[in-house]
Amino acid sequence: MKTTRRTLLKTAGGAAIFAATPSILTSSLSAADSKRIAMIVKNLGNSYFDACANGAKQAADEIGGIEIIYTASAKPTAEDQIAVIDAQIAQKVDGIIVSANDADALVPVGKKAMQRGIKVMSFDSAIAPDGRIVHLSASSTPLIGAKQVQMIGKTLNYTGEVAILSAASTMTNQNAWIEAMKEEWKKPEYANMPLVATVYGDDQDDKSYREMQGLIKSHPDLKGVISPTTIGIRSGAKAIVDGGLVGKVYITGLGLPSEMKDYVLAGACDTFAIWNPVEYGYASTFIMNDILNGAATTEGSKLSMGKKGETTVGPDGECVMGEPFVFDKSNVEEFAKIF
């Protein structure tokens, strides 16, 4: 479904917001008294980021005096995202939280914002350290990568060809997770489970669907696919169901329970994992609030994540929220009602 400038996005908590143009999510104080934080995500029409925005609103309501501006470009490109960030710099927001489409390409605009007194942090997909203050990872990169290989290994009994269906080739988090997957793959239990291809669906449903079809056609002995992106895994699962391949090819990766429930129940996906995106947006907003209030961000410093507790700043400003959670037939319906 094509996203238009009037596309209505629904967040996990049920609140409706418009994000094709900047959406304002305010706390109880008036806008004049509020700190303005722009949450700039990779692209429009992504339910995962809509849920992050809902978490940001929850944090703003708890903190008070926070105005969340939720916005993104229509396409997940660095050039389009830089234009969105420039627009928020011009609006003189207090803080910017970004999920980066390109780690290095966003450094100059991140520096520009910080030179003008705007605090910049990234979450989900990092800006390189010179372009932001801290980055909040949902979990540790080694654990996220390893978990996905472990899930498909268990599903396939560690035997059969496996491919990766990623998002864009420039996305920091995707590439880091894939490298972590390859480290896990070196273990002897995966000797009979070769990685045969890596393809990119650019976080677009149609392209991801076609790439999945291409993998199946190019690799007739393919048994499993790992897709570390919510759009890729749902599109890949749909291709399995549409192609009558349930029970022959399985997909795993990072997905949303609300989008993967039917595919899990149908048998196209045995297990998948994700962190709670509502909590991700929530924790990021609390961290940005701490930074705006002058909290230290040097290595070893503690930053608040609200009800999520505290995170410790590591080397290069890296922080971690928690561990990914695995979903299967036993729990996917319960969590699908939440996000």
Protein backbone atom coordinates (compact mmCIF):
# COMPACT_ATOMS: atom_id res chain seq x y z
CA MET A 1 0.00 0.00 0.00
CA LYS A 2 1.50 3.32 -1.04
CA THR A 3 2.12 5.85 1.70
CA THR A 4 0.70 9.27 0.98
CA ARG A 5 1.16 12.56 2.81
CA ARG A 6 -2.12 11.83 4.57
CA THR A 7 -1.41 8.25 5.58
CA LEU A 8 -2.85 7.53 9.02
CA LEU A 9 -0.42 5.68 11.24
CA LYS A 10 -1.64 3.79 14.29
CA THR A 11 0.64 3.31 17.26
CA ALA A 12 0.77 0.28 19.51
CA GLY A 13 -1.18 2.02 22.22
CA GLY A 14 -4.06 2.75 19.86
CA ALA A 15 -3.44 6.49 19.45
CA ALA A 16 -3.70 7.74 15.88
CA ILE A 17 -1.10 10.14 14.55
CA PHE A 18 -0.08 11.63 11.23
CA ALA A 19 3.62 11.14 10.45
CA ALA A 20 3.91 11.91 6.74
CA THR A 21 4.39 15.46 7.95
CA PRO A 22 5.86 16.06 11.42
CA SER A 23 3.50 14.75 14.10
CA ILE A 24 3.44 16.62 17.40
CA LEU A 25 2.98 14.46 20.50
CA THR A 26 2.86 16.78 23.50
CA SER A 27 2.85 16.27 27.24
CA SER A 28 0.54 18.08 29.61
CA LEU A 29 2.43 21.40 29.61
CA SER A 30 1.89 23.99 26.92
CA ALA A 31 4.14 23.97 23.86
CA ALA A 32 5.70 27.24 24.99
CA ASP A 33 6.97 25.59 28.18
CA SER A 34 8.03 22.32 26.57
CA LYS A 35 11.37 20.97 25.47
CA ARG A 36 11.04 19.91 21.84
CA ILE A 37 12.51 16.56 20.86
CA ALA A 38 12.42 15.39 17.23
CA MET A 39 12.28 11.63 16.72
CA ILE A 40 13.45 11.09 13.15
CA VAL A 41 13.12 7.51 11.92
CA LYS A 42 14.17 5.71 8.76
CA ASN A 43 11.01 5.97 6.69
CA LEU A 44 7.25 6.31 6.76
CA GLY A 45 4.77 3.45 6.90
CA ASN A 46 6.84 1.32 9.30
CA SER A 47 4.76 -0.06 12.18
CA TYR A 48 7.88 -0.69 14.25
CA PHE A 49 8.72 3.03 14.32
CA ASP A 50 5.10 3.98 14.91
CA ALA A 51 5.32 1.88 18.09
CA CYS A 52 8.58 3.64 19.03
CA ALA A 53 6.75 6.96 18.70
CA ASN A 54 4.02 5.73 21.01
CA GLY A 55 6.67 4.88 23.60
CA ALA A 56 8.18 8.34 23.21
CA LYS A 57 4.77 9.85 23.91
CA GLN A 58 4.39 7.71 27.03
CA ALA A 59 7.77 8.95 28.28
CA ALA A 60 6.85 12.56 27.48
CA ASP A 61 3.63 12.19 29.48
CA GLU A 62 5.53 10.76 32.46
CA ILE A 63 8.29 13.37 32.41
CA GLY A 64 6.09 16.37 31.64
CA GLY A 65 7.13 19.38 29.62
CA ILE A 66 8.26 17.33 26.61
CA GLU A 67 7.01 17.80 23.06
CA ILE A 68 7.78 14.91 20.67
CA ILE A 69 7.98 15.70 16.96
CA TYR A 70 7.73 12.37 15.14
CA THR A 71 8.79 12.55 11.51
CA ALA A 72 10.61 10.78 8.67
CA SER A 73 11.23 10.86 4.96
CA ALA A 74 9.08 8.88 2.54
CA LYS A 75 12.10 6.85 1.36
CA PRO A 76 14.77 5.20 3.55
CA THR A 77 17.74 7.05 2.03
CA ALA A 78 20.46 9.09 3.72
CA GLU A 79 19.82 12.07 1.43
CA ASP A 80 16.13 12.25 2.28
CA GLN A 81 16.81 11.77 5.99
CA ILE A 82 19.41 14.56 6.02
CA ALA A 83 16.78 16.91 4.58
CA VAL A 84 14.39 16.00 7.41
CA ILE A 85 17.10 16.61 10.02
CA ASP A 86 18.00 19.95 8.42
CA ALA A 87 14.35 20.97 8.67
CA GLN A 88 14.33 20.22 12.40
CA ILE A 89 17.59 22.13 12.88
CA ALA A 90 15.91 25.11 11.23
CA GLN A 91 13.03 24.73 13.70
CA LYS A 92 15.58 24.96 16.56
CA VAL A 93 14.43 21.86 18.40
CA ASP A 94 16.17 21.06 21.68
CA GLY A 95 17.05 17.47 20.91
CA ILE A 96 17.08 15.02 18.00
CA ILE A 97 16.73 11.23 18.28
CA VAL A 98 17.59 9.47 15.00
CA SER A 99 17.45 5.97 13.58
CA ALA A 100 20.09 6.43 10.89
CA ASN A 101 19.83 5.26 7.30
CA ASP A 102 23.59 5.66 6.92
CA ALA A 103 26.05 5.89 9.82
CA ASP A 104 28.67 8.04 8.12
CA ALA A 105 26.52 10.13 5.80
CA LEU A 106 24.62 11.59 8.77
CA VAL A 107 27.74 12.70 10.66
CA PRO A 108 28.00 16.17 9.05
CA VAL A 109 24.36 17.03 9.73
CA GLY A 110 24.66 15.64 13.26
CA LYS A 111 27.70 17.87 13.85
CA LYS A 112 25.79 20.82 12.41
CA ALA A 113 22.96 20.28 14.86
CA MET A 114 25.28 19.96 17.84
CA GLN A 115 27.22 23.09 16.84
CA ARG A 116 23.92 24.93 17.07
CA GLY A 117 23.27 23.68 20.58
CA ILE A 118 20.94 20.80 19.68
CA LYS A 119 21.56 17.52 21.50
CA VAL A 120 21.76 14.54 19.13
CA MET A 121 21.50 10.84 19.92
CA SER A 122 20.74 7.80 17.81
CA PHE A 123 18.76 4.65 18.53
CA ASP A 124 17.99 1.49 16.55
CA SER A 125 20.56 2.28 13.82
CA ALA A 126 23.56 4.35 14.88
CA ILE A 127 25.07 7.53 13.60
CA ALA A 128 28.87 7.22 13.78
CA PRO A 129 30.23 8.63 17.09
CA ASP A 130 31.34 11.99 15.70
CA GLY A 131 27.76 12.81 14.70
CA ARG A 132 25.96 12.22 18.00
CA ILE A 133 26.39 12.12 21.77
CA VAL A 134 25.20 8.60 22.59
CA HIS A 135 23.61 5.67 20.79
CA LEU A 136 21.06 3.37 22.41
CA SER A 137 21.16 -0.19 21.12
CA ALA A 138 18.13 -2.34 21.83
CA SER A 139 20.48 -5.16 22.73
CA SER A 140 24.11 -6.07 22.16
CA THR A 141 25.05 -6.67 18.54
CA PRO A 142 26.66 -10.09 19.22
CA LEU A 143 23.57 -11.34 21.03
CA ILE A 144 21.14 -10.11 18.37
CA GLY A 145 23.13 -11.70 15.56
CA ALA A 146 23.70 -14.97 17.38
CA LYS A 147 20.06 -15.29 18.43
CA GLN A 148 18.83 -15.22 14.83
CA VAL A 149 21.22 -17.95 13.70
CA GLN A 150 20.33 -20.01 16.77
CA MET A 151 16.62 -19.74 16.00
CA ILE A 152 16.88 -20.92 12.39
CA GLY A 153 19.36 -23.61 13.43
CA LYS A 154 16.91 -25.06 15.93
CA THR A 155 14.06 -24.89 13.40
CA LEU A 156 16.07 -26.71 10.70
CA ASN A 157 17.75 -29.14 13.11
CA TYR A 158 21.00 -27.46 11.97
CA THR A 159 20.78 -28.85 8.44
CA GLY A 160 20.00 -27.07 5.16
CA GLU A 161 20.85 -24.00 3.10
CA VAL A 162 20.07 -20.60 4.63
CA ALA A 163 20.00 -17.08 3.16
CA ILE A 164 19.74 -13.57 4.62
CA LEU A 165 17.10 -11.05 3.51
CA SER A 166 18.30 -7.71 4.86
CA ALA A 167 17.11 -4.10 4.52
CA ALA A 168 19.39 -1.57 2.78
CA SER A 169 23.08 -2.38 2.35
CA THR A 170 24.04 0.92 4.03
CA MET A 171 22.09 0.43 7.26
CA THR A 172 24.45 0.29 10.22
CA ASN A 173 22.50 -2.05 12.44
CA GLN A 174 21.70 -4.53 9.68
CA ASN A 175 25.35 -4.85 8.66
CA ALA A 176 26.53 -5.19 12.25
CA TRP A 177 23.99 -7.92 12.97
CA ILE A 178 24.94 -9.80 9.81
CA GLU A 179 28.61 -9.77 10.85
CA ALA A 180 27.58 -11.09 14.26
CA MET A 181 25.54 -13.81 12.54
CA LYS A 182 28.60 -14.88 10.58
CA GLU A 183 30.61 -15.15 13.81
CA GLU A 184 27.94 -17.44 15.29
CA TRP A 185 27.90 -19.42 12.03
CA LYS A 186 31.55 -20.42 12.56
CA LYS A 187 30.54 -22.76 15.38
CA PRO A 188 30.72 -26.49 14.53
CA GLU A 189 26.99 -27.11 15.04
CA TYR A 190 26.28 -25.11 11.88
CA ALA A 191 28.62 -27.10 9.64
CA ASN A 192 25.66 -28.54 7.69
CA MET A 193 23.78 -25.23 7.52
CA PRO A 194 25.63 -23.09 4.93
CA LEU A 195 24.87 -19.42 4.26
CA VAL A 196 24.28 -19.29 0.50
CA ALA A 197 23.25 -15.67 -0.20
CA THR A 198 22.55 -12.22 1.23
CA VAL A 199 20.04 -9.96 -0.53
CA TYR A 200 18.56 -6.55 0.23
CA GLY A 201 14.90 -5.53 0.16
CA ASP A 202 15.60 -1.88 1.12
CA ASP A 203 12.93 -2.06 3.86
CA GLN A 204 10.22 -1.97 1.19
CA ASP A 205 7.48 -4.59 1.15
CA ASP A 206 7.34 -5.10 -2.61
CA LYS A 207 11.08 -5.35 -3.09
CA SER A 208 11.54 -7.60 -0.06
CA TYR A 209 8.79 -9.89 -1.38
CA ARG A 210 10.48 -10.08 -4.80
CA GLU A 211 13.89 -10.69 -3.26
CA MET A 212 12.42 -13.57 -1.24
CA GLN A 213 10.92 -15.05 -4.39
CA GLY A 214 14.29 -14.65 -6.10
CA LEU A 215 16.08 -16.50 -3.31
CA ILE A 216 13.66 -19.41 -3.54
CA LYS A 217 14.05 -19.58 -7.32
CA SER A 218 17.85 -19.22 -7.31
CA HIS A 219 18.39 -21.73 -4.49
CA PRO A 220 16.01 -24.68 -4.92
CA ASP A 221 17.49 -26.39 -1.85
CA LEU A 222 16.92 -23.35 0.37
CA LYS A 223 15.46 -24.31 3.75
CA GLY A 224 15.69 -21.16 5.83
CA VAL A 225 15.88 -17.38 5.64
CA ILE A 226 16.96 -14.88 8.29
CA SER A 227 15.53 -11.37 7.93
CA PRO A 228 16.77 -8.90 10.57
CA THR A 229 14.15 -6.31 9.62
CA THR A 230 10.45 -6.12 10.43
CA ILE A 231 9.46 -5.34 6.84
CA GLY A 232 11.67 -8.05 5.38
CA ILE A 233 10.46 -10.83 7.66
CA ARG A 234 6.76 -10.13 7.08
CA SER A 235 7.24 -9.86 3.30
CA GLY A 236 9.37 -12.98 3.22
CA ALA A 237 6.80 -14.90 5.25
CA LYS A 238 4.07 -13.77 2.87
CA ALA A 239 6.10 -15.06 -0.09
CA ILE A 240 6.41 -18.45 1.64
CA VAL A 241 2.67 -18.67 2.23
CA ASP A 242 1.74 -17.37 -1.23
CA GLY A 243 4.19 -19.78 -2.85
CA GLY A 244 2.77 -22.84 -1.07
CA LEU A 245 6.12 -23.41 0.65
CA VAL A 246 4.96 -23.73 4.26
CA GLY A 247 6.87 -26.61 5.81
CA LYS A 248 9.52 -26.46 3.09
CA VAL A 249 11.07 -23.05 3.74
CA TYR A 250 11.09 -21.21 7.08
CA ILE A 251 11.85 -17.60 7.92
CA THR A 252 13.06 -16.06 11.16
CA GLY A 253 14.58 -12.76 12.21
CA LEU A 254 13.31 -9.58 13.83
CA GLY A 255 9.58 -8.94 13.56
CA LEU A 256 6.52 -7.49 15.26
CA PRO A 257 4.08 -9.95 16.86
CA SER A 258 1.07 -8.13 15.38
CA GLU A 259 2.50 -8.56 11.88
CA MET A 260 3.92 -12.07 12.30
CA LYS A 261 1.10 -13.78 14.21
CA ASP A 262 -0.68 -15.21 11.18
CA TYR A 263 2.57 -16.44 9.62
CA VAL A 264 3.64 -18.14 12.84
CA LEU A 265 0.26 -19.84 13.18
CA ALA A 266 0.41 -20.85 9.51
CA GLY A 267 3.85 -22.44 9.98
CA ALA A 268 5.93 -20.17 7.73
CA CYS A 269 7.82 -18.91 10.78
CA ASP A 270 8.69 -21.09 13.77
CA THR A 271 10.29 -18.44 15.99
CA PHE A 272 11.32 -14.79 15.69
CA ALA A 273 12.61 -12.14 18.07
CA ILE A 274 12.34 -8.43 18.79
CA TRP A 275 12.61 -6.00 21.66
CA ASN A 276 9.53 -4.04 22.55
CA PRO A 277 9.62 -0.98 20.26
CA VAL A 278 7.31 0.93 22.60
CA GLU A 279 9.94 0.51 25.32
CA TYR A 280 12.67 1.50 22.85
CA GLY A 281 11.07 4.86 22.10
CA TYR A 282 10.29 5.27 25.80
CA ALA A 283 13.87 4.60 26.93
CA SER A 284 15.36 6.84 24.22
CA THR A 285 13.18 9.75 25.30
CA PHE A 286 14.18 9.39 28.94
CA ILE A 287 17.86 9.33 27.94
CA MET A 288 17.45 12.45 25.80
CA ASN A 289 15.69 14.17 28.69
CA ASP A 290 18.65 13.33 30.95
CA ILE A 291 21.05 14.77 28.36
CA LEU A 292 18.97 17.94 28.00
CA ASN A 293 19.12 18.30 31.78
CA GLY A 294 22.93 18.19 31.72
CA ALA A 295 23.61 14.55 32.66
CA ALA A 296 27.16 13.30 32.07
CA THR A 297 27.63 11.13 28.98
CA THR A 298 31.26 10.09 29.46
CA GLU A 299 32.10 6.38 29.55
CA GLY A 300 30.80 4.81 32.76
CA SER A 301 28.07 7.42 33.29
CA LYS A 302 24.53 6.29 34.12
CA LEU A 303 21.50 7.52 32.19
CA SER A 304 17.86 7.00 33.12
CA MET A 305 15.52 4.87 31.02
CA GLY A 306 12.52 5.56 33.25
CA LYS A 307 10.75 2.36 34.30
CA LYS A 308 13.37 0.41 32.30
CA GLY A 309 16.00 1.35 34.87
CA GLU A 310 19.41 2.76 34.01
CA THR A 311 21.88 2.18 31.20
CA THR A 312 25.64 2.63 31.42
CA VAL A 313 27.46 4.62 28.74
CA GLY A 314 30.12 2.46 27.12
CA PRO A 315 32.94 3.20 24.68
CA ASP A 316 32.01 5.62 21.86
CA GLY A 317 28.83 6.56 23.73
CA GLU A 318 27.25 3.13 23.25
CA CYS A 319 24.37 2.20 25.58
CA VAL A 320 22.25 -0.98 25.69
CA MET A 321 18.57 -1.27 26.60
CA GLY A 322 18.18 -5.02 27.12
CA GLU A 323 17.92 -8.45 25.46
CA PRO A 324 15.74 -9.51 22.50
CA PHE A 325 12.70 -11.63 23.30
CA VAL A 326 11.70 -14.76 21.35
CA PHE A 327 8.16 -15.29 20.08
CA ASP A 328 6.52 -18.53 18.90
CA LYS A 329 3.08 -20.15 18.79
CA SER A 330 2.91 -20.21 22.58
CA ASN A 331 3.00 -16.43 23.04
CA VAL A 332 2.64 -14.60 19.73
CA GLU A 333 -1.13 -14.11 19.99
CA GLU A 334 -0.81 -12.55 23.44
CA PHE A 335 1.83 -10.07 22.36
CA ALA A 336 0.17 -9.35 19.02
CA LYS A 337 -2.52 -7.51 20.99
CA ILE A 338 0.15 -5.16 22.37
CA PHE A 339 2.42 -4.32 19.42
